[in-house]
Amino acid sequence: MRVKTRQQSRTRIKYRIRKRAKGTAEQPRLCVYRSLKHIYVQVIDDQNSRTLVSAGSTEKDFPTKAGQNRQAASELGKIIAQRSMDKGIEQVIFDRNGFRYHGRVKALADAAREAGLKF
């Protein structure tokens, strides 16, 4: 019996989610990636293989300093919602990318919903 690493388990979950969540031009996919220090988010149209909008906590004009993880995630949720609304995107499919829906991922999703993004 082979022991799975955390990364292998997350990859299996990620592919299971991606089977069902396909982004279109009308309803693109909001994909979240989090590292130990930072968090990144993209709005992707899978049919045309294009990233429509992106944001990350490593941007120069990002308002929150490093170390304030949940607060940074909620700021990022507001930023991505605003950028999406500016491009005319109001409804998305949320892709947690194999990460658990709590902590920073949940804070980002809640902030994006509060800012007007529907998913």
N, C-alpha and C. Protein backbone atom coordinates (compact mmCIF):
# COMPACT_ATOMS: atom_id res chain seq x y z
N MET A 1 0.84 -1.18 0.00
CA MET A 1 0.00 0.00 0.00
C MET A 1 0.88 1.24 0.00
N ARG A 2 0.59 2.16 -0.88
CA ARG A 2 1.41 3.35 -1.02
C ARG A 2 0.81 4.52 -0.25
N VAL A 3 1.63 5.23 0.47
CA VAL A 3 1.18 6.39 1.23
C VAL A 3 1.18 7.61 0.31
N LYS A 4 0.07 8.35 0.32
CA LYS A 4 -0.04 9.54 -0.52
C LYS A 4 0.46 10.75 0.24
N THR A 5 1.14 11.62 -0.48
CA THR A 5 1.55 12.87 0.13
C THR A 5 0.38 13.85 0.07
N ARG A 6 0.50 14.94 0.77
CA ARG A 6 -0.54 15.96 0.77
C ARG A 6 -0.73 16.54 -0.63
N GLN A 7 0.37 16.74 -1.34
CA GLN A 7 0.31 17.28 -2.70
C GLN A 7 -0.41 16.33 -3.65
N GLN A 8 -0.15 15.03 -3.53
CA GLN A 8 -0.82 14.07 -4.39
C GLN A 8 -2.32 14.03 -4.11
N SER A 9 -2.70 14.12 -2.86
CA SER A 9 -4.11 14.13 -2.50
C SER A 9 -4.80 15.37 -3.05
N ARG A 10 -4.16 16.52 -2.93
CA ARG A 10 -4.73 17.77 -3.43
C ARG A 10 -4.89 17.73 -4.95
N THR A 11 -3.91 17.12 -5.64
CA THR A 11 -3.97 17.01 -7.09
C THR A 11 -5.15 16.15 -7.52
N ARG A 12 -5.41 15.05 -6.83
CA ARG A 12 -6.56 14.20 -7.16
C ARG A 12 -7.86 14.95 -6.96
N ILE A 13 -7.97 15.69 -5.86
CA ILE A 13 -9.17 16.48 -5.58
C ILE A 13 -9.33 17.56 -6.65
N LYS A 14 -8.23 18.19 -7.02
CA LYS A 14 -8.24 19.26 -8.03
C LYS A 14 -8.80 18.75 -9.35
N TYR A 15 -8.34 17.59 -9.81
CA TYR A 15 -8.83 17.05 -11.07
C TYR A 15 -10.30 16.62 -10.97
N ARG A 16 -10.71 16.16 -9.82
CA ARG A 16 -12.11 15.78 -9.62
C ARG A 16 -13.01 17.01 -9.71
N ILE A 17 -12.56 18.12 -9.16
CA ILE A 17 -13.32 19.38 -9.24
C ILE A 17 -13.36 19.88 -10.67
N ARG A 18 -12.21 19.83 -11.36
CA ARG A 18 -12.11 20.36 -12.72
C ARG A 18 -12.94 19.59 -13.73
N LYS A 19 -13.28 18.32 -13.44
CA LYS A 19 -14.14 17.56 -14.34
C LYS A 19 -15.51 18.22 -14.46
N ARG A 20 -15.99 18.78 -13.36
CA ARG A 20 -17.32 19.37 -13.32
C ARG A 20 -17.31 20.87 -13.60
N ALA A 21 -16.27 21.58 -13.20
CA ALA A 21 -16.24 23.04 -13.30
C ALA A 21 -15.50 23.46 -14.55
N LYS A 22 -16.25 23.82 -15.58
CA LYS A 22 -15.66 24.33 -16.82
C LYS A 22 -16.11 25.77 -16.99
N GLY A 23 -15.17 26.65 -17.24
CA GLY A 23 -15.49 28.06 -17.42
C GLY A 23 -15.81 28.37 -18.87
N THR A 24 -16.82 29.19 -19.09
CA THR A 24 -17.19 29.64 -20.42
C THR A 24 -17.03 31.16 -20.49
N ALA A 25 -17.29 31.74 -21.65
CA ALA A 25 -17.19 33.18 -21.78
C ALA A 25 -18.28 33.88 -20.96
N GLU A 26 -19.45 33.26 -20.88
CA GLU A 26 -20.56 33.85 -20.12
C GLU A 26 -20.37 33.66 -18.62
N GLN A 27 -19.86 32.51 -18.23
CA GLN A 27 -19.64 32.19 -16.81
C GLN A 27 -18.26 31.57 -16.64
N PRO A 28 -17.22 32.41 -16.52
CA PRO A 28 -15.86 31.89 -16.40
C PRO A 28 -15.59 31.27 -15.03
N ARG A 29 -14.44 30.63 -14.92
CA ARG A 29 -14.05 29.94 -13.69
C ARG A 29 -13.15 30.84 -12.87
N LEU A 30 -13.48 31.01 -11.59
CA LEU A 30 -12.66 31.77 -10.65
C LEU A 30 -11.76 30.79 -9.92
N CYS A 31 -10.47 30.75 -10.27
CA CYS A 31 -9.53 29.77 -9.75
C CYS A 31 -8.63 30.41 -8.69
N VAL A 32 -8.52 29.75 -7.55
CA VAL A 32 -7.73 30.25 -6.42
C VAL A 32 -6.50 29.38 -6.23
N TYR A 33 -5.35 30.00 -6.01
CA TYR A 33 -4.15 29.27 -5.62
C TYR A 33 -3.56 29.96 -4.41
N ARG A 34 -3.21 29.19 -3.41
CA ARG A 34 -2.59 29.79 -2.23
C ARG A 34 -1.27 29.08 -1.94
N SER A 35 -0.26 29.88 -1.66
CA SER A 35 1.01 29.34 -1.22
C SER A 35 1.11 29.62 0.28
N LEU A 36 2.25 29.35 0.85
CA LEU A 36 2.37 29.59 2.29
C LEU A 36 2.30 31.08 2.64
N LYS A 37 2.83 31.94 1.77
CA LYS A 37 2.87 33.37 2.07
C LYS A 37 1.85 34.20 1.29
N HIS A 38 1.49 33.76 0.09
CA HIS A 38 0.68 34.59 -0.79
C HIS A 38 -0.53 33.83 -1.31
N ILE A 39 -1.43 34.58 -1.94
CA ILE A 39 -2.62 34.00 -2.55
C ILE A 39 -2.85 34.68 -3.90
N TYR A 40 -3.26 33.89 -4.88
CA TYR A 40 -3.46 34.37 -6.24
C TYR A 40 -4.83 33.92 -6.73
N VAL A 41 -5.41 34.68 -7.63
CA VAL A 41 -6.72 34.34 -8.16
C VAL A 41 -6.80 34.76 -9.63
N GLN A 42 -7.47 33.92 -10.45
CA GLN A 42 -7.64 34.20 -11.87
C GLN A 42 -9.08 33.90 -12.26
N VAL A 43 -9.57 34.67 -13.23
CA VAL A 43 -10.86 34.38 -13.85
C VAL A 43 -10.54 33.87 -15.24
N ILE A 44 -10.93 32.61 -15.53
CA ILE A 44 -10.47 31.91 -16.72
C ILE A 44 -11.64 31.47 -17.59
N ASP A 45 -11.51 31.69 -18.89
CA ASP A 45 -12.44 31.15 -19.88
C ASP A 45 -11.80 29.89 -20.45
N ASP A 46 -12.29 28.72 -20.06
CA ASP A 46 -11.68 27.45 -20.45
C ASP A 46 -11.94 27.09 -21.91
N GLN A 47 -13.03 27.56 -22.48
CA GLN A 47 -13.33 27.24 -23.88
C GLN A 47 -12.29 27.85 -24.82
N ASN A 48 -11.87 29.08 -24.53
CA ASN A 48 -10.88 29.75 -25.37
C ASN A 48 -9.48 29.72 -24.77
N SER A 49 -9.32 29.07 -23.62
CA SER A 49 -8.04 28.97 -22.91
C SER A 49 -7.41 30.34 -22.68
N ARG A 50 -8.19 31.24 -22.08
CA ARG A 50 -7.71 32.60 -21.83
C ARG A 50 -7.98 33.02 -20.40
N THR A 51 -7.00 33.71 -19.82
CA THR A 51 -7.20 34.33 -18.52
C THR A 51 -7.79 35.71 -18.76
N LEU A 52 -8.97 35.96 -18.21
CA LEU A 52 -9.66 37.22 -18.43
C LEU A 52 -9.23 38.28 -17.44
N VAL A 53 -9.11 37.90 -16.16
CA VAL A 53 -8.74 38.82 -15.09
C VAL A 53 -7.87 38.06 -14.10
N SER A 54 -6.88 38.73 -13.53
CA SER A 54 -6.07 38.08 -12.51
C SER A 54 -5.66 39.09 -11.44
N ALA A 55 -5.34 38.59 -10.26
CA ALA A 55 -4.86 39.42 -9.16
C ALA A 55 -4.08 38.53 -8.21
N GLY A 56 -3.19 39.13 -7.46
CA GLY A 56 -2.39 38.38 -6.50
C GLY A 56 -1.90 39.27 -5.37
N SER A 57 -1.56 38.66 -4.27
CA SER A 57 -1.09 39.43 -3.12
C SER A 57 0.35 39.89 -3.28
N THR A 58 0.98 39.57 -4.41
CA THR A 58 2.36 40.01 -4.65
C THR A 58 2.43 41.28 -5.50
N GLU A 59 1.28 41.83 -5.88
CA GLU A 59 1.27 43.04 -6.70
C GLU A 59 1.85 44.22 -5.93
N LYS A 60 2.44 45.17 -6.67
CA LYS A 60 3.10 46.31 -6.03
C LYS A 60 2.13 47.17 -5.24
N ASP A 61 0.94 47.41 -5.79
CA ASP A 61 -0.01 48.30 -5.12
C ASP A 61 -1.01 47.56 -4.23
N PHE A 62 -0.66 46.34 -3.81
CA PHE A 62 -1.55 45.57 -2.94
C PHE A 62 -1.60 46.23 -1.57
N PRO A 63 -2.80 46.48 -1.02
CA PRO A 63 -2.92 47.29 0.20
C PRO A 63 -2.45 46.64 1.50
N THR A 64 -2.51 45.32 1.61
CA THR A 64 -2.19 44.65 2.87
C THR A 64 -0.75 44.15 2.87
N LYS A 65 -0.09 44.30 3.99
CA LYS A 65 1.29 43.83 4.14
C LYS A 65 1.31 42.32 4.33
N ALA A 66 2.47 41.71 4.14
CA ALA A 66 2.63 40.26 4.31
C ALA A 66 2.41 39.88 5.77
N GLY A 67 1.91 38.69 6.00
CA GLY A 67 1.69 38.20 7.35
C GLY A 67 0.26 38.31 7.81
N GLN A 68 -0.55 39.11 7.11
CA GLN A 68 -1.95 39.25 7.48
C GLN A 68 -2.76 38.46 6.46
N ASN A 69 -2.73 37.14 6.60
CA ASN A 69 -3.20 36.27 5.54
C ASN A 69 -4.68 36.37 5.24
N ARG A 70 -5.54 36.25 6.24
CA ARG A 70 -6.98 36.26 5.99
C ARG A 70 -7.44 37.64 5.53
N GLN A 71 -6.84 38.66 6.10
CA GLN A 71 -7.18 40.02 5.69
C GLN A 71 -6.72 40.27 4.25
N ALA A 72 -5.56 39.77 3.89
CA ALA A 72 -5.06 39.90 2.52
C ALA A 72 -5.97 39.16 1.55
N ALA A 73 -6.46 38.00 1.94
CA ALA A 73 -7.36 37.23 1.07
C ALA A 73 -8.67 37.97 0.84
N SER A 74 -9.20 38.60 1.88
CA SER A 74 -10.45 39.32 1.71
C SER A 74 -10.25 40.57 0.85
N GLU A 75 -9.11 41.25 0.98
CA GLU A 75 -8.80 42.38 0.11
C GLU A 75 -8.69 41.92 -1.34
N LEU A 76 -8.08 40.77 -1.54
CA LEU A 76 -7.92 40.22 -2.89
C LEU A 76 -9.27 39.85 -3.49
N GLY A 77 -10.19 39.36 -2.67
CA GLY A 77 -11.54 39.06 -3.14
C GLY A 77 -12.26 40.30 -3.64
N LYS A 78 -12.09 41.40 -2.92
CA LYS A 78 -12.70 42.67 -3.35
C LYS A 78 -12.08 43.17 -4.66
N ILE A 79 -10.75 43.03 -4.76
CA ILE A 79 -10.04 43.49 -5.96
C ILE A 79 -10.47 42.69 -7.18
N ILE A 80 -10.53 41.36 -7.06
CA ILE A 80 -10.88 40.53 -8.21
C ILE A 80 -12.34 40.75 -8.61
N ALA A 81 -13.20 40.98 -7.64
CA ALA A 81 -14.61 41.26 -7.97
C ALA A 81 -14.72 42.58 -8.73
N GLN A 82 -13.99 43.60 -8.28
CA GLN A 82 -14.04 44.90 -8.96
C GLN A 82 -13.49 44.80 -10.38
N ARG A 83 -12.37 44.12 -10.55
CA ARG A 83 -11.78 43.97 -11.89
C ARG A 83 -12.70 43.16 -12.81
N SER A 84 -13.36 42.16 -12.26
CA SER A 84 -14.29 41.36 -13.06
C SER A 84 -15.49 42.18 -13.48
N MET A 85 -16.03 42.96 -12.56
CA MET A 85 -17.18 43.81 -12.87
C MET A 85 -16.82 44.84 -13.94
N ASP A 86 -15.60 45.36 -13.88
CA ASP A 86 -15.15 46.33 -14.89
C ASP A 86 -15.10 45.69 -16.28
N LYS A 87 -14.80 44.39 -16.34
CA LYS A 87 -14.76 43.66 -17.62
C LYS A 87 -16.13 43.14 -18.04
N GLY A 88 -17.15 43.35 -17.19
CA GLY A 88 -18.50 42.89 -17.52
C GLY A 88 -18.80 41.48 -17.07
N ILE A 89 -18.00 40.93 -16.18
CA ILE A 89 -18.21 39.57 -15.66
C ILE A 89 -18.90 39.68 -14.31
N GLU A 90 -20.11 39.14 -14.23
CA GLU A 90 -20.87 39.22 -12.98
C GLU A 90 -21.06 37.86 -12.33
N GLN A 91 -21.00 36.78 -13.12
CA GLN A 91 -21.24 35.45 -12.59
C GLN A 91 -20.08 34.53 -12.95
N VAL A 92 -19.58 33.78 -11.96
CA VAL A 92 -18.44 32.89 -12.18
C VAL A 92 -18.72 31.53 -11.52
N ILE A 93 -17.87 30.56 -11.86
CA ILE A 93 -17.87 29.26 -11.20
C ILE A 93 -16.66 29.24 -10.28
N PHE A 94 -16.85 28.96 -9.00
CA PHE A 94 -15.74 28.99 -8.04
C PHE A 94 -14.98 27.68 -8.08
N ASP A 95 -13.66 27.78 -8.25
CA ASP A 95 -12.77 26.61 -8.27
C ASP A 95 -11.78 26.77 -7.13
N ARG A 96 -11.93 25.98 -6.09
CA ARG A 96 -11.04 26.09 -4.93
C ARG A 96 -9.72 25.41 -5.16
N ASN A 97 -9.57 24.75 -6.33
CA ASN A 97 -8.29 24.21 -6.78
C ASN A 97 -7.73 23.12 -5.85
N GLY A 98 -8.61 22.37 -5.20
CA GLY A 98 -8.15 21.29 -4.34
C GLY A 98 -7.88 21.71 -2.91
N PHE A 99 -7.97 23.00 -2.62
CA PHE A 99 -7.76 23.48 -1.25
C PHE A 99 -9.07 23.39 -0.49
N ARG A 100 -8.99 23.22 0.83
CA ARG A 100 -10.20 23.17 1.64
C ARG A 100 -10.87 24.54 1.65
N TYR A 101 -12.19 24.53 1.73
CA TYR A 101 -12.95 25.78 1.73
C TYR A 101 -13.05 26.30 3.17
N HIS A 102 -11.96 26.84 3.66
CA HIS A 102 -11.95 27.50 4.96
C HIS A 102 -10.74 28.40 5.01
N GLY A 103 -10.66 29.25 6.00
CA GLY A 103 -9.52 30.14 6.15
C GLY A 103 -9.43 31.16 5.03
N ARG A 104 -8.27 31.21 4.37
CA ARG A 104 -8.03 32.22 3.34
C ARG A 104 -8.90 32.04 2.11
N VAL A 105 -9.16 30.79 1.72
CA VAL A 105 -9.99 30.53 0.54
C VAL A 105 -11.42 31.00 0.79
N LYS A 106 -11.94 30.72 1.97
CA LYS A 106 -13.30 31.14 2.33
C LYS A 106 -13.38 32.66 2.46
N ALA A 107 -12.37 33.29 3.04
CA ALA A 107 -12.35 34.75 3.18
C ALA A 107 -12.36 35.42 1.82
N LEU A 108 -11.60 34.88 0.87
CA LEU A 108 -11.57 35.43 -0.48
C LEU A 108 -12.93 35.28 -1.14
N ALA A 109 -13.55 34.12 -1.03
CA ALA A 109 -14.86 33.87 -1.65
C ALA A 109 -15.93 34.78 -1.06
N ASP A 110 -15.94 34.92 0.26
CA ASP A 110 -16.95 35.75 0.91
C ASP A 110 -16.79 37.22 0.51
N ALA A 111 -15.56 37.70 0.43
CA ALA A 111 -15.33 39.09 0.05
C ALA A 111 -15.73 39.34 -1.40
N ALA A 112 -15.47 38.37 -2.28
CA ALA A 112 -15.87 38.51 -3.68
C ALA A 112 -17.39 38.54 -3.80
N ARG A 113 -18.07 37.72 -3.02
CA ARG A 113 -19.55 37.73 -3.03
C ARG A 113 -20.08 39.06 -2.54
N GLU A 114 -19.52 39.57 -1.44
CA GLU A 114 -19.96 40.85 -0.90
C GLU A 114 -19.74 41.99 -1.86
N ALA A 115 -18.70 41.90 -2.69
CA ALA A 115 -18.39 42.95 -3.65
C ALA A 115 -19.25 42.86 -4.91
N GLY A 116 -20.11 41.83 -5.01
CA GLY A 116 -21.05 41.77 -6.12
C GLY A 116 -20.90 40.63 -7.09
N LEU A 117 -19.87 39.79 -6.92
CA LEU A 117 -19.67 38.66 -7.82
C LEU A 117 -20.63 37.53 -7.41
N LYS A 118 -21.26 36.89 -8.38
CA LYS A 118 -22.23 35.83 -8.08
C LYS A 118 -21.65 34.47 -8.42
N PHE A 119 -21.67 33.56 -7.43
CA PHE A 119 -21.30 32.15 -7.65
C PHE A 119 -21.85 31.29 -6.56
